[in-house]
Amino acid sequence: MRSAHTLKRWLGIPGSALARYLNRPVRGYEPFAITDPVKLAAVLQPADVLLVEGNRRISTAIKYLTQSTWLHAALYVGDYLETGRGLAAPVLIEADLEQGVVAVPLTKYAALNTRICRPVGLTPEERRQLCEYAVARLG
């Protein structure tokens, strides 16, 4: 138990400060191919995964470690989120370094490079179940 307490103390304020630092935008980021959110919303389907290039300090580390252009992935749930969170559809569910699992508007990534990954072979019912599963895990 002592080691768990020590780890919690070590990750407390310094850990959250590090998370805030790593979550800040990088100066000089320039996207190469931005997709208009309206056009993007027109082609996205519930349960699609939106890959995002990212412009944060943590992006550089993730890109280096994974050898990938894409730093972040978010699940598109469209209008499955009807919980009064003040977000208009279309909506994405994502994991955030500071906030945990959150819902965000598609417009959050309007100024970043994005790509769509579409699962193959899912029925409309399976897509619905996946979106409801993700929405139930917010927070």
N, C-alpha and C. Protein backbone atom coordinates (compact mmCIF):
# COMPACT_ATOMS: atom_id res chain seq x y z
N MET A 1 0.82 -1.19 0.00
CA MET A 1 0.00 0.00 0.00
C MET A 1 0.86 1.26 0.00
N ARG A 2 1.99 1.19 0.63
CA ARG A 2 2.84 2.36 0.71
C ARG A 2 3.29 2.81 -0.68
N SER A 3 3.62 1.87 -1.57
CA SER A 3 4.06 2.27 -2.90
C SER A 3 2.93 2.91 -3.70
N ALA A 4 1.69 2.47 -3.53
CA ALA A 4 0.55 3.08 -4.22
C ALA A 4 0.36 4.52 -3.73
N HIS A 5 0.50 4.73 -2.42
CA HIS A 5 0.37 6.08 -1.87
C HIS A 5 1.47 6.99 -2.41
N THR A 6 2.70 6.48 -2.47
CA THR A 6 3.82 7.25 -2.97
C THR A 6 3.60 7.62 -4.44
N LEU A 7 3.10 6.67 -5.23
CA LEU A 7 2.83 6.93 -6.64
C LEU A 7 1.74 7.99 -6.80
N LYS A 8 0.68 7.90 -6.01
CA LYS A 8 -0.39 8.90 -6.07
C LYS A 8 0.14 10.28 -5.73
N ARG A 9 0.97 10.36 -4.69
CA ARG A 9 1.55 11.64 -4.29
C ARG A 9 2.46 12.17 -5.40
N TRP A 10 3.25 11.30 -6.00
CA TRP A 10 4.18 11.69 -7.05
C TRP A 10 3.42 12.17 -8.29
N LEU A 11 2.28 11.54 -8.62
CA LEU A 11 1.51 11.92 -9.80
C LEU A 11 0.51 13.03 -9.53
N GLY A 12 0.35 13.46 -8.31
CA GLY A 12 -0.63 14.48 -7.96
C GLY A 12 -0.48 15.77 -8.73
N ILE A 13 -0.13 16.83 -8.08
CA ILE A 13 -0.03 18.15 -8.73
C ILE A 13 1.03 18.16 -9.82
N PRO A 14 2.23 17.62 -9.59
CA PRO A 14 3.22 17.64 -10.67
C PRO A 14 2.72 16.90 -11.92
N GLY A 15 1.99 15.80 -11.74
CA GLY A 15 1.47 15.04 -12.88
C GLY A 15 0.46 15.84 -13.66
N SER A 16 -0.44 16.54 -12.98
CA SER A 16 -1.43 17.35 -13.68
C SER A 16 -0.77 18.55 -14.35
N ALA A 17 0.26 19.09 -13.73
CA ALA A 17 0.98 20.21 -14.35
C ALA A 17 1.68 19.74 -15.63
N LEU A 18 2.25 18.56 -15.59
CA LEU A 18 2.89 18.00 -16.78
C LEU A 18 1.85 17.77 -17.88
N ALA A 19 0.69 17.26 -17.51
CA ALA A 19 -0.38 17.03 -18.49
C ALA A 19 -0.81 18.35 -19.13
N ARG A 20 -0.96 19.39 -18.34
CA ARG A 20 -1.33 20.70 -18.90
C ARG A 20 -0.25 21.21 -19.86
N TYR A 21 1.01 21.04 -19.48
CA TYR A 21 2.11 21.48 -20.33
C TYR A 21 2.11 20.73 -21.67
N LEU A 22 1.96 19.41 -21.60
CA LEU A 22 1.98 18.60 -22.81
C LEU A 22 0.77 18.81 -23.70
N ASN A 23 -0.32 19.28 -23.12
CA ASN A 23 -1.56 19.51 -23.87
C ASN A 23 -1.60 20.87 -24.56
N ARG A 24 -0.60 21.70 -24.37
CA ARG A 24 -0.58 23.03 -25.00
C ARG A 24 -0.22 22.91 -26.48
N PRO A 25 -0.76 23.80 -27.32
CA PRO A 25 -0.44 23.78 -28.76
C PRO A 25 1.03 24.10 -29.02
N VAL A 26 1.54 23.52 -30.09
CA VAL A 26 2.91 23.79 -30.55
C VAL A 26 2.89 25.04 -31.41
N ARG A 27 3.88 25.89 -31.27
CA ARG A 27 3.98 27.08 -32.12
C ARG A 27 4.40 26.65 -33.53
N GLY A 28 3.84 27.31 -34.52
CA GLY A 28 4.26 27.06 -35.89
C GLY A 28 3.61 25.88 -36.59
N TYR A 29 2.63 25.24 -35.96
CA TYR A 29 1.95 24.12 -36.61
C TYR A 29 1.20 24.61 -37.84
N GLU A 30 1.38 23.93 -38.98
CA GLU A 30 0.65 24.27 -40.19
C GLU A 30 0.09 23.00 -40.80
N PRO A 31 -1.24 22.89 -40.83
CA PRO A 31 -1.85 21.70 -41.44
C PRO A 31 -1.67 21.74 -42.96
N PHE A 32 -1.64 20.55 -43.58
CA PHE A 32 -1.43 20.51 -45.02
C PHE A 32 -2.72 20.28 -45.80
N ALA A 33 -3.76 19.72 -45.18
CA ALA A 33 -5.01 19.46 -45.90
C ALA A 33 -6.18 19.47 -44.93
N ILE A 34 -6.75 20.63 -44.72
CA ILE A 34 -7.88 20.75 -43.80
C ILE A 34 -9.17 20.39 -44.52
N THR A 35 -10.04 19.63 -43.85
CA THR A 35 -11.34 19.29 -44.40
C THR A 35 -12.40 20.12 -43.69
N ASP A 36 -13.25 20.76 -44.45
CA ASP A 36 -14.34 21.55 -43.90
C ASP A 36 -15.22 20.66 -43.02
N PRO A 37 -15.52 21.07 -41.77
CA PRO A 37 -16.33 20.24 -40.87
C PRO A 37 -17.71 19.89 -41.44
N VAL A 38 -18.29 20.77 -42.23
CA VAL A 38 -19.60 20.47 -42.83
C VAL A 38 -19.48 19.33 -43.83
N LYS A 39 -18.45 19.37 -44.65
CA LYS A 39 -18.21 18.29 -45.62
C LYS A 39 -17.85 17.00 -44.90
N LEU A 40 -17.04 17.12 -43.86
CA LEU A 40 -16.65 15.95 -43.08
C LEU A 40 -17.87 15.30 -42.44
N ALA A 41 -18.74 16.09 -41.86
CA ALA A 41 -19.96 15.58 -41.23
C ALA A 41 -20.86 14.89 -42.24
N ALA A 42 -20.84 15.35 -43.48
CA ALA A 42 -21.69 14.77 -44.51
C ALA A 42 -21.29 13.34 -44.88
N VAL A 43 -20.02 13.01 -44.68
CA VAL A 43 -19.57 11.66 -45.05
C VAL A 43 -19.35 10.73 -43.86
N LEU A 44 -19.22 11.29 -42.66
CA LEU A 44 -19.03 10.46 -41.48
C LEU A 44 -20.28 9.66 -41.16
N GLN A 45 -20.09 8.45 -40.66
CA GLN A 45 -21.18 7.59 -40.21
C GLN A 45 -20.93 7.22 -38.76
N PRO A 46 -21.99 7.01 -37.97
CA PRO A 46 -21.79 6.59 -36.58
C PRO A 46 -20.87 5.36 -36.52
N ALA A 47 -19.95 5.38 -35.57
CA ALA A 47 -18.95 4.34 -35.32
C ALA A 47 -17.70 4.49 -36.18
N ASP A 48 -17.63 5.52 -37.04
CA ASP A 48 -16.39 5.81 -37.74
C ASP A 48 -15.38 6.34 -36.73
N VAL A 49 -14.12 6.15 -37.03
CA VAL A 49 -13.05 6.69 -36.19
C VAL A 49 -12.39 7.82 -36.96
N LEU A 50 -12.30 8.97 -36.33
CA LEU A 50 -11.64 10.12 -36.94
C LEU A 50 -10.21 10.17 -36.41
N LEU A 51 -9.25 10.05 -37.31
CA LEU A 51 -7.84 10.20 -36.95
C LEU A 51 -7.48 11.68 -37.06
N VAL A 52 -6.70 12.16 -36.10
CA VAL A 52 -6.35 13.58 -36.05
C VAL A 52 -4.84 13.71 -35.94
N GLU A 53 -4.28 14.64 -36.73
CA GLU A 53 -2.84 14.84 -36.68
C GLU A 53 -2.40 15.51 -35.40
N GLY A 54 -3.04 16.47 -34.93
CA GLY A 54 -2.69 17.07 -33.65
C GLY A 54 -1.62 18.14 -33.70
N ASN A 55 -1.80 19.13 -32.84
CA ASN A 55 -0.89 20.27 -32.80
C ASN A 55 -0.43 20.57 -31.38
N ARG A 56 -0.39 19.57 -30.54
CA ARG A 56 -0.01 19.75 -29.14
C ARG A 56 1.40 19.23 -28.90
N ARG A 57 1.98 19.64 -27.80
CA ARG A 57 3.34 19.21 -27.47
C ARG A 57 3.44 17.68 -27.36
N ILE A 58 2.42 17.07 -26.82
CA ILE A 58 2.42 15.62 -26.68
C ILE A 58 2.44 14.94 -28.04
N SER A 59 1.95 15.64 -29.07
CA SER A 59 1.90 15.09 -30.43
C SER A 59 3.28 14.66 -30.91
N THR A 60 4.26 15.48 -30.66
CA THR A 60 5.61 15.20 -31.12
C THR A 60 6.12 13.89 -30.52
N ALA A 61 5.90 13.70 -29.23
CA ALA A 61 6.35 12.47 -28.58
C ALA A 61 5.61 11.25 -29.12
N ILE A 62 4.30 11.37 -29.28
CA ILE A 62 3.50 10.24 -29.78
C ILE A 62 3.90 9.90 -31.20
N LYS A 63 4.08 10.90 -32.05
CA LYS A 63 4.49 10.65 -33.43
C LYS A 63 5.85 9.96 -33.48
N TYR A 64 6.76 10.39 -32.61
CA TYR A 64 8.08 9.77 -32.58
C TYR A 64 8.00 8.31 -32.12
N LEU A 65 7.24 8.06 -31.07
CA LEU A 65 7.16 6.71 -30.52
C LEU A 65 6.39 5.75 -31.41
N THR A 66 5.35 6.23 -32.08
CA THR A 66 4.51 5.35 -32.90
C THR A 66 4.92 5.34 -34.37
N GLN A 67 5.77 6.29 -34.76
CA GLN A 67 6.16 6.44 -36.16
C GLN A 67 4.93 6.61 -37.06
N SER A 68 3.97 7.37 -36.58
CA SER A 68 2.72 7.61 -37.29
C SER A 68 2.46 9.11 -37.40
N THR A 69 1.79 9.50 -38.45
CA THR A 69 1.37 10.89 -38.60
C THR A 69 0.24 11.21 -37.65
N TRP A 70 -0.58 10.21 -37.35
CA TRP A 70 -1.80 10.43 -36.57
C TRP A 70 -1.53 10.26 -35.10
N LEU A 71 -1.95 11.25 -34.34
CA LEU A 71 -1.66 11.23 -32.92
C LEU A 71 -2.88 10.86 -32.10
N HIS A 72 -4.06 11.07 -32.64
CA HIS A 72 -5.26 10.97 -31.83
C HIS A 72 -6.36 10.30 -32.63
N ALA A 73 -7.25 9.62 -31.94
CA ALA A 73 -8.42 9.01 -32.57
C ALA A 73 -9.64 9.32 -31.73
N ALA A 74 -10.75 9.61 -32.42
CA ALA A 74 -12.00 9.91 -31.73
C ALA A 74 -13.11 9.13 -32.44
N LEU A 75 -14.07 8.65 -31.67
CA LEU A 75 -15.18 7.89 -32.21
C LEU A 75 -16.32 8.83 -32.57
N TYR A 76 -16.78 8.75 -33.80
CA TYR A 76 -17.89 9.60 -34.24
C TYR A 76 -19.20 8.94 -33.81
N VAL A 77 -19.98 9.67 -33.02
CA VAL A 77 -21.29 9.15 -32.58
C VAL A 77 -22.44 9.95 -33.17
N GLY A 78 -22.14 10.98 -33.94
CA GLY A 78 -23.19 11.74 -34.62
C GLY A 78 -24.15 12.37 -33.64
N ASP A 79 -25.42 12.00 -33.74
CA ASP A 79 -26.44 12.56 -32.86
C ASP A 79 -26.93 11.56 -31.81
N TYR A 80 -26.13 10.52 -31.54
CA TYR A 80 -26.50 9.54 -30.51
C TYR A 80 -26.42 10.12 -29.10
N LEU A 81 -25.78 11.26 -28.97
CA LEU A 81 -25.58 11.87 -27.66
C LEU A 81 -26.69 12.87 -27.39
N GLU A 82 -27.64 12.46 -26.59
CA GLU A 82 -28.75 13.34 -26.23
C GLU A 82 -28.82 13.43 -24.70
N THR A 83 -27.81 14.10 -24.14
CA THR A 83 -27.69 14.11 -22.69
C THR A 83 -27.68 15.51 -22.09
N GLY A 84 -27.97 16.52 -22.88
CA GLY A 84 -27.99 17.88 -22.35
C GLY A 84 -26.62 18.43 -22.02
N ARG A 85 -25.56 17.99 -22.70
CA ARG A 85 -24.21 18.48 -22.43
C ARG A 85 -23.92 19.80 -23.15
N GLY A 86 -24.89 20.32 -23.87
CA GLY A 86 -24.70 21.58 -24.56
C GLY A 86 -23.95 21.45 -25.87
N LEU A 87 -23.80 20.24 -26.38
CA LEU A 87 -23.12 20.03 -27.64
C LEU A 87 -24.14 19.70 -28.73
N ALA A 88 -24.01 20.38 -29.83
CA ALA A 88 -24.87 20.07 -30.97
C ALA A 88 -24.20 18.98 -31.80
N ALA A 89 -25.00 18.11 -32.40
CA ALA A 89 -24.45 17.09 -33.28
C ALA A 89 -23.81 17.82 -34.46
N PRO A 90 -22.79 17.31 -35.08
CA PRO A 90 -22.20 16.00 -34.87
C PRO A 90 -21.20 15.99 -33.72
N VAL A 91 -21.12 14.86 -33.04
CA VAL A 91 -20.32 14.74 -31.82
C VAL A 91 -19.34 13.58 -31.93
N LEU A 92 -18.17 13.78 -31.32
CA LEU A 92 -17.14 12.76 -31.20
C LEU A 92 -16.97 12.41 -29.72
N ILE A 93 -16.58 11.17 -29.44
CA ILE A 93 -16.20 10.74 -28.10
C ILE A 93 -14.70 10.47 -28.16
N GLU A 94 -13.97 11.03 -27.19
CA GLU A 94 -12.53 10.86 -27.18
C GLU A 94 -11.98 10.79 -25.76
N ALA A 95 -10.76 10.30 -25.64
CA ALA A 95 -10.07 10.30 -24.36
C ALA A 95 -9.10 11.47 -24.36
N ASP A 96 -9.15 12.26 -23.30
CA ASP A 96 -8.31 13.45 -23.17
C ASP A 96 -7.35 13.23 -22.00
N LEU A 97 -6.11 13.68 -22.17
CA LEU A 97 -5.07 13.50 -21.16
C LEU A 97 -5.45 14.11 -19.81
N GLU A 98 -6.14 15.25 -19.82
CA GLU A 98 -6.51 15.92 -18.59
C GLU A 98 -7.91 15.59 -18.11
N GLN A 99 -8.88 15.45 -19.03
CA GLN A 99 -10.29 15.35 -18.66
C GLN A 99 -10.87 13.95 -18.67
N GLY A 100 -10.18 12.98 -19.22
CA GLY A 100 -10.72 11.62 -19.32
C GLY A 100 -11.55 11.47 -20.59
N VAL A 101 -12.59 10.65 -20.55
CA VAL A 101 -13.43 10.39 -21.71
C VAL A 101 -14.48 11.50 -21.80
N VAL A 102 -14.48 12.22 -22.93
CA VAL A 102 -15.34 13.39 -23.10
C VAL A 102 -16.01 13.39 -24.47
N ALA A 103 -17.08 14.15 -24.57
CA ALA A 103 -17.74 14.39 -25.84
C ALA A 103 -17.31 15.77 -26.34
N VAL A 104 -17.00 15.86 -27.63
CA VAL A 104 -16.57 17.12 -28.22
C VAL A 104 -17.25 17.31 -29.57
N PRO A 105 -17.42 18.56 -29.99
CA PRO A 105 -18.01 18.78 -31.32
C PRO A 105 -16.99 18.48 -32.41
N LEU A 106 -17.47 18.10 -33.55
CA LEU A 106 -16.61 17.83 -34.70
C LEU A 106 -15.79 19.07 -35.07
N THR A 107 -16.31 20.23 -34.81
CA THR A 107 -15.61 21.47 -35.15
C THR A 107 -14.31 21.66 -34.36
N LYS A 108 -14.13 20.89 -33.29
CA LYS A 108 -12.89 20.99 -32.50
C LYS A 108 -11.67 20.75 -33.39
N TYR A 109 -11.82 19.92 -34.41
CA TYR A 109 -10.69 19.57 -35.26
C TYR A 109 -10.75 20.24 -36.63
N ALA A 110 -11.47 21.35 -36.73
CA ALA A 110 -11.64 22.05 -38.01
C ALA A 110 -10.33 22.56 -38.59
N ALA A 111 -9.34 22.87 -37.75
CA ALA A 111 -8.08 23.44 -38.24
C ALA A 111 -6.94 22.42 -38.25
N LEU A 112 -7.27 21.13 -38.14
CA LEU A 112 -6.24 20.09 -38.11
C LEU A 112 -6.44 19.09 -39.24
N ASN A 113 -5.38 18.39 -39.58
CA ASN A 113 -5.48 17.33 -40.58
C ASN A 113 -6.23 16.14 -39.97
N THR A 114 -7.18 15.61 -40.73
CA THR A 114 -7.96 14.47 -40.25
C THR A 114 -8.11 13.43 -41.36
N ARG A 115 -8.40 12.20 -40.94
CA ARG A 115 -8.72 11.09 -41.85
C ARG A 115 -9.80 10.26 -41.20
N ILE A 116 -10.60 9.60 -42.02
CA ILE A 116 -11.68 8.75 -41.52
C ILE A 116 -11.28 7.29 -41.65
N CYS A 117 -11.49 6.53 -40.58
CA CYS A 117 -11.35 5.07 -40.60
C CYS A 117 -12.76 4.51 -40.39
N ARG A 118 -13.22 3.72 -41.32
CA ARG A 118 -14.57 3.18 -41.26
C ARG A 118 -14.51 1.67 -41.02
N PRO A 119 -15.18 1.21 -39.96
CA PRO A 119 -15.22 -0.24 -39.72
C PRO A 119 -16.03 -0.93 -40.83
N VAL A 120 -15.54 -2.05 -41.27
CA VAL A 120 -16.19 -2.78 -42.35
C VAL A 120 -17.04 -3.91 -41.76
N GLY A 121 -18.25 -4.07 -42.28
CA GLY A 121 -19.07 -5.21 -41.91
C GLY A 121 -19.96 -5.02 -40.70
N LEU A 122 -20.00 -3.82 -40.12
CA LEU A 122 -20.89 -3.59 -38.99
C LEU A 122 -22.30 -3.30 -39.49
N THR A 123 -23.27 -3.89 -38.85
CA THR A 123 -24.66 -3.61 -39.18
C THR A 123 -25.05 -2.27 -38.54
N PRO A 124 -26.14 -1.66 -39.00
CA PRO A 124 -26.60 -0.43 -38.35
C PRO A 124 -26.85 -0.64 -36.85
N GLU A 125 -27.36 -1.80 -36.46
CA GLU A 125 -27.60 -2.09 -35.05
C GLU A 125 -26.29 -2.17 -34.27
N GLU A 126 -25.26 -2.77 -34.84
CA GLU A 126 -23.95 -2.85 -34.18
C GLU A 126 -23.32 -1.45 -34.05
N ARG A 127 -23.50 -0.62 -35.05
CA ARG A 127 -23.01 0.76 -34.97
C ARG A 127 -23.71 1.50 -33.84
N ARG A 128 -25.02 1.33 -33.74
CA ARG A 128 -25.80 1.97 -32.68
C ARG A 128 -25.31 1.50 -31.32
N GLN A 129 -25.12 0.19 -31.16
CA GLN A 129 -24.66 -0.36 -29.88
C GLN A 129 -23.28 0.18 -29.51
N LEU A 130 -22.40 0.29 -30.47
CA LEU A 130 -21.06 0.82 -30.22
C LEU A 130 -21.12 2.28 -29.75
N CYS A 131 -21.95 3.08 -30.42
CA CYS A 131 -22.10 4.48 -30.04
C CYS A 131 -22.69 4.61 -28.64
N GLU A 132 -23.71 3.83 -28.34
CA GLU A 132 -24.32 3.88 -27.01
C GLU A 132 -23.34 3.43 -25.94
N TYR A 133 -22.52 2.43 -26.24
CA TYR A 133 -21.50 1.95 -25.30
C TYR A 133 -20.52 3.10 -24.98
N ALA A 134 -20.06 3.80 -26.01
CA ALA A 134 -19.10 4.89 -25.80
C ALA A 134 -19.73 6.03 -25.01
N VAL A 135 -20.96 6.39 -25.35
CA VAL A 135 -21.66 7.48 -24.66
C VAL A 135 -21.83 7.14 -23.18
N ALA A 136 -22.11 5.87 -22.88
CA ALA A 136 -22.31 5.45 -21.49
C ALA A 136 -21.04 5.54 -20.65
N ARG A 137 -19.88 5.63 -21.29
CA ARG A 137 -18.62 5.68 -20.57
C ARG A 137 -18.05 7.09 -20.42
N LEU A 138 -18.81 8.10 -20.80
CA LEU A 138 -18.34 9.47 -20.63
C LEU A 138 -18.08 9.77 -19.16
N GLY A 139 -17.07 10.59 -18.93
CA GLY A 139 -16.76 10.99 -17.55
C GLY A 139 -15.67 10.22 -16.99
